[in-house]
Amino acid sequence: MSKILLKGGTVVAEGVSRKADVLVAEGKIAAIGESLTADENTEVFDAEGCVVTYGLADVHVHLREPGYSAKETIATGTRACAHGGVTTVCSMPNLQPAPDAPETIAVQQQMIDEQAVIEVLPFATISSKRAGRELADIEALRPLSVGYSDDGNGIQTEPLMRQAMQRIAAVDGIIAAHCEDDSLLHAGYIHDGEYAREHGHKGICSESEWGPIKRDVKLAEEEGCRYHVCHISTKESVEIIRNAKQSCAHISCETAPHYLVLCDENLQEEGRFKMNPPLRAKEDRAALIEGIKDGTIEVIATDHAPHTAEEKSRGLKGSMMGIVGIETSFAICYTHLVRKGVISIEKLIALMSENPRRIFRLGGAMKVGERADIAVFNVTEPYKINPAEFVSMGKATPFEGEEVYGRCMLTLFGGEKVWNENK
């Protein structure tokens, strides 16, 4: 294995930033310190002006295989992750076949083994075929998956969710819940707010999200189940989770970069602004920012959801829901949250790497002896987001053309280069 010395960067780990060099050897972090030297067998990478951190961990990514390879493949999706400085992802189970039993998750795992350039940990489904009628093979799936989710579908009935929590708690698993009450959707496809009313669109009310969250946090406390809420977008969701966390330590949640930066006032009549949950009101965005500041929201995840160009070309009404984000997540958050003084760089690394690793028990840290999964971000020179430069097959992003800071210059996985901007 090659030896690499990352020279002159700012290492961010465990709430501390410091100028330090990082030596990688034999696939592990060999040393972290000042004025480290390299022998003739060591490659030196100039990290001056860069943040050096343990690889980002994104717990909400759609790699689309098996079943939907026209949208993304595990090969393209994981290379896109590397391009974004992400070295561990939890892949969502809206696939064909759905990973609801050992034999179906094995189909996905074989593709991961053959194609992935970073660590991919698959979610199993909560219910059989994600249909919400009966539970999947919970016990058999425990050693084969990172957790359980029916992402894309909410569990509609309290009895089924209670039963799921009982069985998942019994095997010390975690639920990553897509919270959406189908009875409140009314064929909506953007936020039920001022933009929808002014432009004649059907809206999705906030209660369709926070209603199931209110139900589930009570169940999680009663059943002792580790419970994580996916992609929260409303102010009510933040408040419900904030209150629940006071008495229940095993409740957590995530939001996504686009909910922290955009609101429905930013909508345009283009498919790249359509996702589920939708962009909410500016009051919701403000509540989400307060949530990351006070620790209510512990994770930023992308909900990277690639679709074909045709599927995203039908405007707000007709386009498929979902945008890409794995290649821009750090830059968007660094530019809008850190550079603007909303949170510190240390807090951002906690939200994007350390907290998801802790909550989902993923392992890994910027410490000597750990596997060398490392990302290097240039935070001093701006660049413009250009979807044509994405590795992902999906190109739909609301941030197209935006000038940002935080280009990923180098990603190491197990000490090997899986992305090198300077190649």
Protein backbone atom coordinates (compact mmCIF):
# COMPACT_ATOMS: atom_id res chain seq x y z
CA MET A 1 0.00 0.00 0.00
CA SER A 2 1.11 3.55 -0.73
CA LYS A 3 2.21 6.01 1.92
CA ILE A 4 0.77 9.52 1.79
CA LEU A 5 1.59 12.58 3.87
CA LEU A 6 -1.14 15.22 3.95
CA LYS A 7 0.87 18.34 4.63
CA GLY A 8 -0.17 21.69 6.05
CA GLY A 9 -3.94 21.28 6.39
CA THR A 10 -6.34 22.08 9.23
CA VAL A 11 -7.34 18.83 10.87
CA VAL A 12 -10.86 18.92 12.32
CA ALA A 13 -11.84 16.19 14.79
CA GLU A 14 -13.78 15.82 18.03
CA GLY A 15 -14.61 19.51 18.32
CA VAL A 16 -11.07 20.76 17.74
CA SER A 17 -9.35 22.33 14.73
CA ARG A 18 -5.57 22.47 14.51
CA LYS A 19 -2.89 22.84 11.89
CA ALA A 20 -1.38 19.40 11.54
CA ASP A 21 0.00 16.90 9.08
CA VAL A 22 -1.49 13.44 8.65
CA LEU A 23 0.59 10.43 7.65
CA VAL A 24 -1.18 7.49 6.06
CA ALA A 25 0.57 4.11 5.79
CA GLU A 26 -0.59 0.54 5.34
CA GLY A 27 -4.16 1.73 4.91
CA LYS A 28 -4.30 3.34 8.35
CA ILE A 29 -3.72 6.70 9.97
CA ALA A 30 -0.11 6.35 11.11
CA ALA A 31 0.52 9.77 12.66
CA ILE A 32 -1.10 13.16 13.23
CA GLY A 33 1.15 16.02 14.23
CA GLU A 34 3.17 19.08 13.33
CA SER A 35 6.14 19.02 10.98
CA LEU A 36 5.87 15.37 10.01
CA THR A 37 8.46 14.34 7.46
CA ALA A 38 8.26 12.04 4.46
CA ASP A 39 10.80 9.53 3.20
CA GLU A 40 11.43 8.81 -0.47
CA ASN A 41 8.62 6.24 -0.54
CA THR A 42 5.96 8.66 0.68
CA GLU A 43 3.83 10.86 -1.56
CA VAL A 44 3.29 14.36 -0.20
CA PHE A 45 -0.10 16.00 -0.78
CA ASP A 46 -0.24 19.76 -0.25
CA ALA A 47 -3.26 20.40 2.01
CA GLU A 48 -2.49 24.07 2.70
CA GLY A 49 -5.75 26.03 2.82
CA CYS A 50 -7.75 22.83 3.24
CA VAL A 51 -9.84 21.18 5.93
CA VAL A 52 -8.72 17.62 6.59
CA THR A 53 -11.30 15.43 8.25
CA TYR A 54 -12.34 11.85 8.71
CA GLY A 55 -14.50 10.80 5.76
CA LEU A 56 -18.07 12.06 5.78
CA ALA A 57 -20.81 9.56 6.59
CA ASP A 58 -24.13 9.98 4.80
CA VAL A 59 -26.90 7.85 6.29
CA HIS A 60 -29.48 8.60 3.58
CA VAL A 61 -28.39 7.83 0.02
CA HIS A 62 -30.22 6.23 -2.90
CA LEU A 63 -27.85 4.15 -5.01
CA ARG A 64 -30.79 2.76 -7.06
CA GLU A 65 -29.40 -0.76 -7.57
CA PRO A 66 -30.73 -3.34 -7.91
CA GLY A 67 -33.71 -2.35 -10.00
CA TYR A 68 -33.21 1.21 -11.24
CA SER A 69 -29.83 1.37 -12.93
CA ALA A 70 -31.06 3.95 -15.46
CA LYS A 71 -31.02 6.45 -12.57
CA GLU A 72 -27.77 5.46 -10.84
CA THR A 73 -25.53 2.46 -10.31
CA ILE A 74 -23.55 1.48 -7.25
CA ALA A 75 -20.41 2.18 -9.28
CA THR A 76 -21.42 5.72 -10.27
CA GLY A 77 -23.08 6.47 -6.95
CA THR A 78 -20.11 5.48 -4.83
CA ARG A 79 -17.67 7.33 -7.08
CA ALA A 80 -19.93 10.36 -6.65
CA CYS A 81 -19.71 9.86 -2.89
CA ALA A 82 -15.92 9.85 -3.14
CA HIS A 83 -16.13 13.07 -5.18
CA GLY A 84 -18.03 14.60 -2.26
CA GLY A 85 -15.64 13.40 0.45
CA VAL A 86 -18.08 10.73 1.66
CA THR A 87 -16.48 7.40 2.60
CA THR A 88 -19.41 5.65 4.30
CA VAL A 89 -23.01 5.61 3.09
CA CYS A 90 -26.16 3.89 4.25
CA SER A 91 -28.13 2.94 1.14
CA MET A 92 -31.89 3.18 1.13
CA PRO A 93 -34.09 0.16 0.35
CA ASN A 94 -36.52 1.44 -2.30
CA LEU A 95 -35.15 -1.11 -4.72
CA GLN A 96 -36.31 -4.02 -6.81
CA PRO A 97 -36.20 -6.49 -5.22
CA ALA A 98 -36.74 -4.74 -1.90
CA PRO A 99 -34.24 -5.98 0.71
CA ASP A 100 -36.86 -7.55 2.98
CA ALA A 101 -35.23 -10.97 3.54
CA PRO A 102 -31.71 -12.46 3.47
CA GLU A 103 -32.06 -13.65 -0.12
CA THR A 104 -33.15 -10.24 -1.43
CA ILE A 105 -30.60 -8.15 0.46
CA ALA A 106 -27.96 -10.59 -0.83
CA VAL A 107 -28.67 -9.41 -4.38
CA GLN A 108 -27.78 -5.87 -3.38
CA GLN A 109 -24.79 -6.92 -1.30
CA GLN A 110 -23.24 -8.79 -4.21
CA MET A 111 -23.48 -5.65 -6.35
CA ILE A 112 -21.93 -3.61 -3.54
CA ASP A 113 -19.07 -6.07 -3.23
CA GLU A 114 -18.41 -5.92 -6.96
CA GLN A 115 -18.81 -2.19 -7.63
CA ALA A 116 -18.46 0.04 -4.56
CA VAL A 117 -15.32 2.16 -4.11
CA ILE A 118 -16.28 3.24 -0.57
CA GLU A 119 -18.12 1.59 2.34
CA VAL A 120 -21.81 0.92 1.61
CA LEU A 121 -24.05 -0.34 4.41
CA PRO A 122 -27.55 -1.25 3.22
CA PHE A 123 -30.78 -0.62 5.05
CA ALA A 124 -33.24 -3.49 5.19
CA THR A 125 -36.94 -2.77 4.90
CA ILE A 126 -39.30 -2.52 7.84
CA SER A 127 -42.17 -4.15 5.99
CA SER A 128 -42.32 -6.86 3.37
CA LYS A 129 -41.85 -5.29 -0.09
CA ARG A 130 -42.13 -1.87 1.65
CA ALA A 131 -45.88 -2.32 1.36
CA GLY A 132 -46.69 -1.47 4.97
CA ARG A 133 -48.88 -4.50 5.59
CA GLU A 134 -46.67 -7.04 7.35
CA LEU A 135 -43.17 -6.91 8.74
CA ALA A 136 -40.06 -8.02 6.90
CA ASP A 137 -37.79 -10.77 8.25
CA ILE A 138 -36.51 -8.49 11.01
CA GLU A 139 -34.41 -10.97 12.95
CA ALA A 140 -32.67 -12.57 9.97
CA LEU A 141 -31.87 -9.16 8.46
CA ARG A 142 -30.20 -7.76 11.59
CA PRO A 143 -26.62 -8.93 10.87
CA LEU A 144 -26.96 -8.08 7.17
CA SER A 145 -28.03 -4.43 7.43
CA VAL A 146 -27.25 -1.14 9.13
CA GLY A 147 -30.88 -0.62 10.17
CA TYR A 148 -34.47 -0.71 8.96
CA SER A 149 -36.37 1.76 6.79
CA ASP A 150 -39.28 1.86 4.37
CA ASP A 151 -37.93 5.11 2.97
CA GLY A 152 -40.23 6.58 0.38
CA ASN A 153 -43.18 5.12 2.26
CA GLY A 154 -44.36 5.89 5.76
CA ILE A 155 -45.69 3.20 8.09
CA GLN A 156 -49.34 4.23 8.10
CA THR A 157 -50.71 2.34 11.10
CA GLU A 158 -49.73 2.57 14.74
CA PRO A 159 -50.10 -1.18 15.41
CA LEU A 160 -47.62 -2.10 12.68
CA MET A 161 -45.11 0.51 13.82
CA ARG A 162 -45.41 -0.64 17.43
CA GLN A 163 -44.86 -4.24 16.36
CA ALA A 164 -41.85 -3.17 14.29
CA MET A 165 -40.34 -1.28 17.21
CA GLN A 166 -40.82 -4.23 19.55
CA ARG A 167 -39.04 -6.65 17.24
CA ILE A 168 -36.32 -4.22 16.17
CA ALA A 169 -35.63 -3.22 19.79
CA ALA A 170 -35.31 -6.90 20.68
CA VAL A 171 -32.39 -7.24 18.24
CA ASP A 172 -30.91 -3.82 19.18
CA GLY A 173 -31.59 -2.42 15.72
CA ILE A 174 -32.46 1.10 14.61
CA ILE A 175 -35.37 2.44 12.57
CA ALA A 176 -34.77 5.25 10.06
CA ALA A 177 -38.32 6.44 9.58
CA HIS A 178 -39.79 8.16 6.54
CA CYS A 179 -42.61 10.00 8.26
CA GLU A 180 -45.50 10.74 5.93
CA ASP A 181 -49.23 10.38 6.47
CA ASP A 182 -50.68 9.44 3.09
CA SER A 183 -54.18 10.52 4.12
CA LEU A 184 -53.00 14.15 4.34
CA LEU A 185 -51.20 14.39 0.99
CA HIS A 186 -54.22 15.12 -1.25
CA ALA A 187 -52.09 14.68 -4.39
CA GLY A 188 -49.80 17.53 -3.32
CA TYR A 189 -46.27 17.82 -4.64
CA ILE A 190 -44.80 21.04 -3.18
CA HIS A 191 -45.24 22.75 0.20
CA ASP A 192 -48.72 23.97 0.98
CA GLY A 193 -47.68 27.59 1.22
CA GLU A 194 -47.71 30.92 -0.53
CA TYR A 195 -45.89 29.76 -3.67
CA ALA A 196 -48.33 26.90 -4.19
CA ARG A 197 -51.31 29.21 -3.84
CA GLU A 198 -49.91 31.90 -6.11
CA HIS A 199 -48.93 29.47 -8.87
CA GLY A 200 -51.83 27.04 -8.77
CA HIS A 201 -49.98 24.03 -7.39
CA LYS A 202 -51.30 21.38 -5.02
CA GLY A 203 -49.64 21.58 -1.64
CA ILE A 204 -48.37 19.08 0.93
CA CYS A 205 -49.29 20.16 4.45
CA SER A 206 -46.72 20.11 7.25
CA GLU A 207 -48.85 17.82 9.41
CA SER A 208 -48.32 14.99 6.94
CA GLU A 209 -44.75 14.92 8.32
CA TRP A 210 -45.04 15.96 11.94
CA GLY A 211 -48.16 13.90 12.67
CA PRO A 212 -46.41 10.53 12.25
CA ILE A 213 -43.36 11.84 14.12
CA LYS A 214 -45.56 12.75 17.10
CA ARG A 215 -47.01 9.23 17.05
CA ASP A 216 -43.66 7.51 16.67
CA VAL A 217 -41.63 9.27 19.35
CA LYS A 218 -44.20 8.19 21.91
CA LEU A 219 -43.99 4.60 20.65
CA ALA A 220 -40.19 4.68 20.65
CA GLU A 221 -40.11 5.76 24.27
CA GLU A 222 -42.62 3.10 25.27
CA GLU A 223 -40.91 0.29 23.37
CA GLY A 224 -37.28 1.30 23.95
CA CYS A 225 -36.47 1.27 20.25
CA ARG A 226 -33.65 3.28 18.69
CA TYR A 227 -35.50 5.65 16.40
CA HIS A 228 -34.12 8.06 13.81
CA VAL A 229 -36.32 10.42 11.78
CA CYS A 230 -35.31 10.95 8.16
CA HIS A 231 -35.18 14.32 6.35
CA ILE A 232 -37.22 16.52 8.71
CA SER A 233 -38.41 19.76 7.11
CA THR A 234 -40.97 21.47 9.40
CA LYS A 235 -40.76 23.62 12.51
CA GLU A 236 -43.26 21.35 14.27
CA SER A 237 -41.04 18.33 13.63
CA VAL A 238 -38.11 20.12 15.27
CA GLU A 239 -40.14 21.00 18.35
CA ILE A 240 -41.61 17.49 18.73
CA ILE A 241 -38.17 15.90 18.52
CA ARG A 242 -36.60 18.49 20.81
CA ASN A 243 -39.16 17.71 23.51
CA ALA A 244 -38.92 13.94 22.99
CA LYS A 245 -35.13 13.93 23.33
CA GLN A 246 -35.41 15.37 26.83
CA SER A 247 -36.77 12.07 28.13
CA CYS A 248 -35.67 9.59 25.46
CA ALA A 249 -31.98 9.38 24.58
CA HIS A 250 -32.43 6.93 21.70
CA ILE A 251 -34.35 9.37 19.46
CA SER A 252 -32.42 11.21 16.73
CA CYS A 253 -33.07 12.92 13.42
CA GLU A 254 -31.53 14.35 10.29
CA THR A 255 -32.20 17.14 7.88
CA ALA A 256 -30.70 17.85 4.47
CA PRO A 257 -28.61 20.74 3.12
CA HIS A 258 -31.40 22.02 0.86
CA TYR A 259 -33.81 22.41 3.79
CA LEU A 260 -31.22 24.46 5.69
CA VAL A 261 -30.44 26.77 2.78
CA LEU A 262 -33.63 27.06 0.69
CA CYS A 263 -37.36 27.57 1.28
CA ASP A 264 -40.45 27.70 -0.89
CA GLU A 265 -39.68 31.32 -1.77
CA ASN A 266 -36.76 29.95 -3.80
CA LEU A 267 -38.90 27.63 -5.91
CA GLN A 268 -38.74 27.77 -9.68
CA GLU A 269 -40.91 25.95 -12.19
CA GLU A 270 -38.27 23.27 -12.69
CA GLY A 271 -37.95 19.66 -11.59
CA ARG A 272 -34.63 20.36 -9.86
CA PHE A 273 -36.60 22.10 -7.10
CA LYS A 274 -38.89 19.12 -6.44
CA MET A 275 -38.17 16.71 -3.61
CA ASN A 276 -39.99 14.93 -0.80
CA PRO A 277 -40.41 16.41 1.75
CA PRO A 278 -40.74 19.65 -0.19
CA LEU A 279 -38.97 22.91 0.47
CA ARG A 280 -41.00 24.46 3.29
CA ALA A 281 -41.55 28.05 4.49
CA LYS A 282 -38.76 30.34 5.69
CA GLU A 283 -40.03 29.88 9.26
CA ASP A 284 -39.42 26.15 8.91
CA ARG A 285 -35.91 26.77 7.61
CA ALA A 286 -35.18 29.02 10.58
CA ALA A 287 -36.41 26.33 12.99
CA LEU A 288 -34.18 23.73 11.33
CA ILE A 289 -31.16 25.98 11.72
CA GLU A 290 -31.96 26.46 15.41
CA GLY A 291 -32.29 22.68 15.60
CA ILE A 292 -28.77 22.05 14.36
CA LYS A 293 -27.41 24.78 16.60
CA ASP A 294 -28.97 23.42 19.82
CA GLY A 295 -28.35 19.74 19.07
CA THR A 296 -31.94 18.71 18.38
CA ILE A 297 -30.87 17.79 14.84
CA GLU A 298 -27.68 15.77 15.10
CA VAL A 299 -27.20 14.71 11.48
CA ILE A 300 -27.05 16.31 8.05
CA ALA A 301 -27.70 13.75 5.32
CA THR A 302 -28.33 14.38 1.64
CA ASP A 303 -31.23 12.13 0.64
CA HIS A 304 -29.26 11.88 -2.64
CA ALA A 305 -31.99 10.74 -5.04
CA PRO A 306 -30.93 10.60 -8.69
CA HIS A 307 -33.42 10.34 -11.55
CA THR A 308 -33.02 10.39 -15.31
CA ALA A 309 -32.94 13.72 -17.12
CA GLU A 310 -36.32 12.95 -18.69
CA GLU A 311 -37.89 12.19 -15.30
CA LYS A 312 -36.73 15.58 -13.98
CA SER A 313 -37.72 17.59 -17.07
CA ARG A 314 -41.46 17.84 -16.44
CA GLY A 315 -41.57 20.89 -14.16
CA LEU A 316 -42.75 21.02 -10.57
CA LYS A 317 -45.95 19.16 -11.21
CA GLY A 318 -44.81 16.32 -13.43
CA SER A 319 -41.21 15.60 -12.41
CA MET A 320 -40.19 12.78 -10.12
CA MET A 321 -39.44 13.80 -6.55
CA GLY A 322 -35.79 13.82 -5.60
CA ILE A 323 -32.55 15.72 -6.20
CA VAL A 324 -28.87 14.83 -6.07
CA GLY A 325 -26.63 16.16 -3.34
CA ILE A 326 -23.79 13.83 -2.44
CA GLU A 327 -21.20 15.80 -4.44
CA THR A 328 -22.18 19.23 -3.12
CA SER A 329 -23.28 18.64 0.48
CA PHE A 330 -20.11 19.75 2.24
CA ALA A 331 -19.62 22.80 0.01
CA ILE A 332 -23.22 23.95 0.40
CA CYS A 333 -23.13 23.58 4.17
CA TYR A 334 -19.68 25.09 4.56
CA THR A 335 -20.56 28.08 2.41
CA HIS A 336 -23.96 28.84 3.94
CA LEU A 337 -23.45 27.72 7.53
CA VAL A 338 -19.77 27.99 8.43
CA ARG A 339 -18.63 30.96 6.31
CA LYS A 340 -21.72 32.90 7.40
CA GLY A 341 -21.05 32.19 11.08
CA VAL A 342 -24.16 30.11 11.71
CA ILE A 343 -22.15 27.15 13.06
CA SER A 344 -18.48 26.30 13.42
CA ILE A 345 -16.51 23.97 11.18
CA GLU A 346 -16.21 21.64 14.16
CA LYS A 347 -20.00 21.51 14.46
CA LEU A 348 -20.35 20.82 10.75
CA ILE A 349 -17.96 17.86 10.90
CA ALA A 350 -19.91 16.52 13.87
CA LEU A 351 -23.16 16.77 11.88
CA MET A 352 -21.75 15.21 8.71
CA SER A 353 -19.30 12.61 10.04
CA GLU A 354 -19.01 12.09 13.78
CA ASN A 355 -22.67 12.07 14.85
CA PRO A 356 -23.96 9.75 12.10
CA ARG A 357 -21.10 7.38 12.85
CA ARG A 358 -22.02 7.35 16.53
CA ILE A 359 -25.80 7.06 16.12
CA PHE A 360 -25.62 4.29 13.52
CA ARG A 361 -22.53 2.64 15.05
CA LEU A 362 -20.55 2.93 11.85
CA GLY A 363 -17.11 3.21 13.42
CA GLY A 364 -14.20 5.33 12.29
CA ALA A 365 -12.51 8.43 13.67
CA MET A 366 -9.60 10.74 12.97
CA LYS A 367 -7.24 8.86 15.28
CA VAL A 368 -3.96 7.04 14.88
CA GLY A 369 -4.58 3.37 14.09
CA GLU A 370 -7.97 3.90 12.46
CA ARG A 371 -8.65 2.97 8.85
CA ALA A 372 -7.51 5.88 6.69
CA ASP A 373 -10.84 7.16 5.39
CA ILE A 374 -10.02 10.83 4.94
CA ALA A 375 -11.44 13.79 3.01
CA VAL A 376 -9.58 16.98 2.12
CA PHE A 377 -11.64 20.10 1.26
CA ASN A 378 -10.31 23.34 -0.20
CA VAL A 379 -12.11 26.05 1.77
CA THR A 380 -10.17 29.04 0.49
CA GLU A 381 -10.91 29.04 -3.25
CA PRO A 382 -14.46 29.33 -4.63
CA TYR A 383 -15.89 27.31 -7.50
CA LYS A 384 -19.24 27.12 -9.27
CA ILE A 385 -21.46 24.08 -9.03
CA ASN A 386 -21.73 22.55 -12.48
CA PRO A 387 -23.85 19.39 -12.80
CA ALA A 388 -21.92 18.47 -15.95
CA GLU A 389 -18.97 17.78 -13.64
CA PHE A 390 -20.96 15.40 -11.41
CA VAL A 391 -19.96 11.75 -11.37
CA SER A 392 -23.51 10.79 -10.43
CA MET A 393 -25.83 9.91 -13.28
CA GLY A 394 -28.32 12.31 -11.69
CA LYS A 395 -27.79 16.00 -12.47
CA ALA A 396 -30.83 17.70 -10.90
CA THR A 397 -29.75 20.17 -8.22
CA PRO A 398 -31.33 23.44 -7.09
CA PHE A 399 -27.79 24.75 -6.51
CA GLU A 400 -26.72 24.71 -10.15
CA GLY A 401 -24.47 27.68 -10.93
CA GLU A 402 -23.97 28.72 -7.31
CA GLU A 403 -20.52 29.83 -6.20
CA VAL A 404 -19.38 27.88 -3.15
CA TYR A 405 -16.33 27.02 -1.07
CA GLY A 406 -15.32 23.51 -0.07
CA ARG A 407 -14.31 21.60 -3.19
CA CYS A 408 -13.20 18.07 -2.33
CA MET A 409 -9.58 17.74 -3.41
CA LEU A 410 -8.79 14.24 -2.17
CA THR A 411 -10.66 11.29 -0.71
CA LEU A 412 -8.92 8.26 0.74
CA PHE A 413 -10.67 5.01 1.56
CA GLY A 414 -8.50 2.55 3.43
CA GLY A 415 -5.52 4.68 2.48
CA GLU A 416 -6.18 4.42 -1.25
CA LYS A 417 -7.19 7.36 -3.43
CA VAL A 418 -10.80 7.08 -4.52
CA TRP A 419 -10.97 10.72 -5.57
CA ASN A 420 -8.14 13.05 -6.55
CA GLU A 421 -9.12 16.45 -7.93
CA ASN A 422 -5.56 17.04 -9.11
CA LYS A 423 -5.20 13.84 -11.12
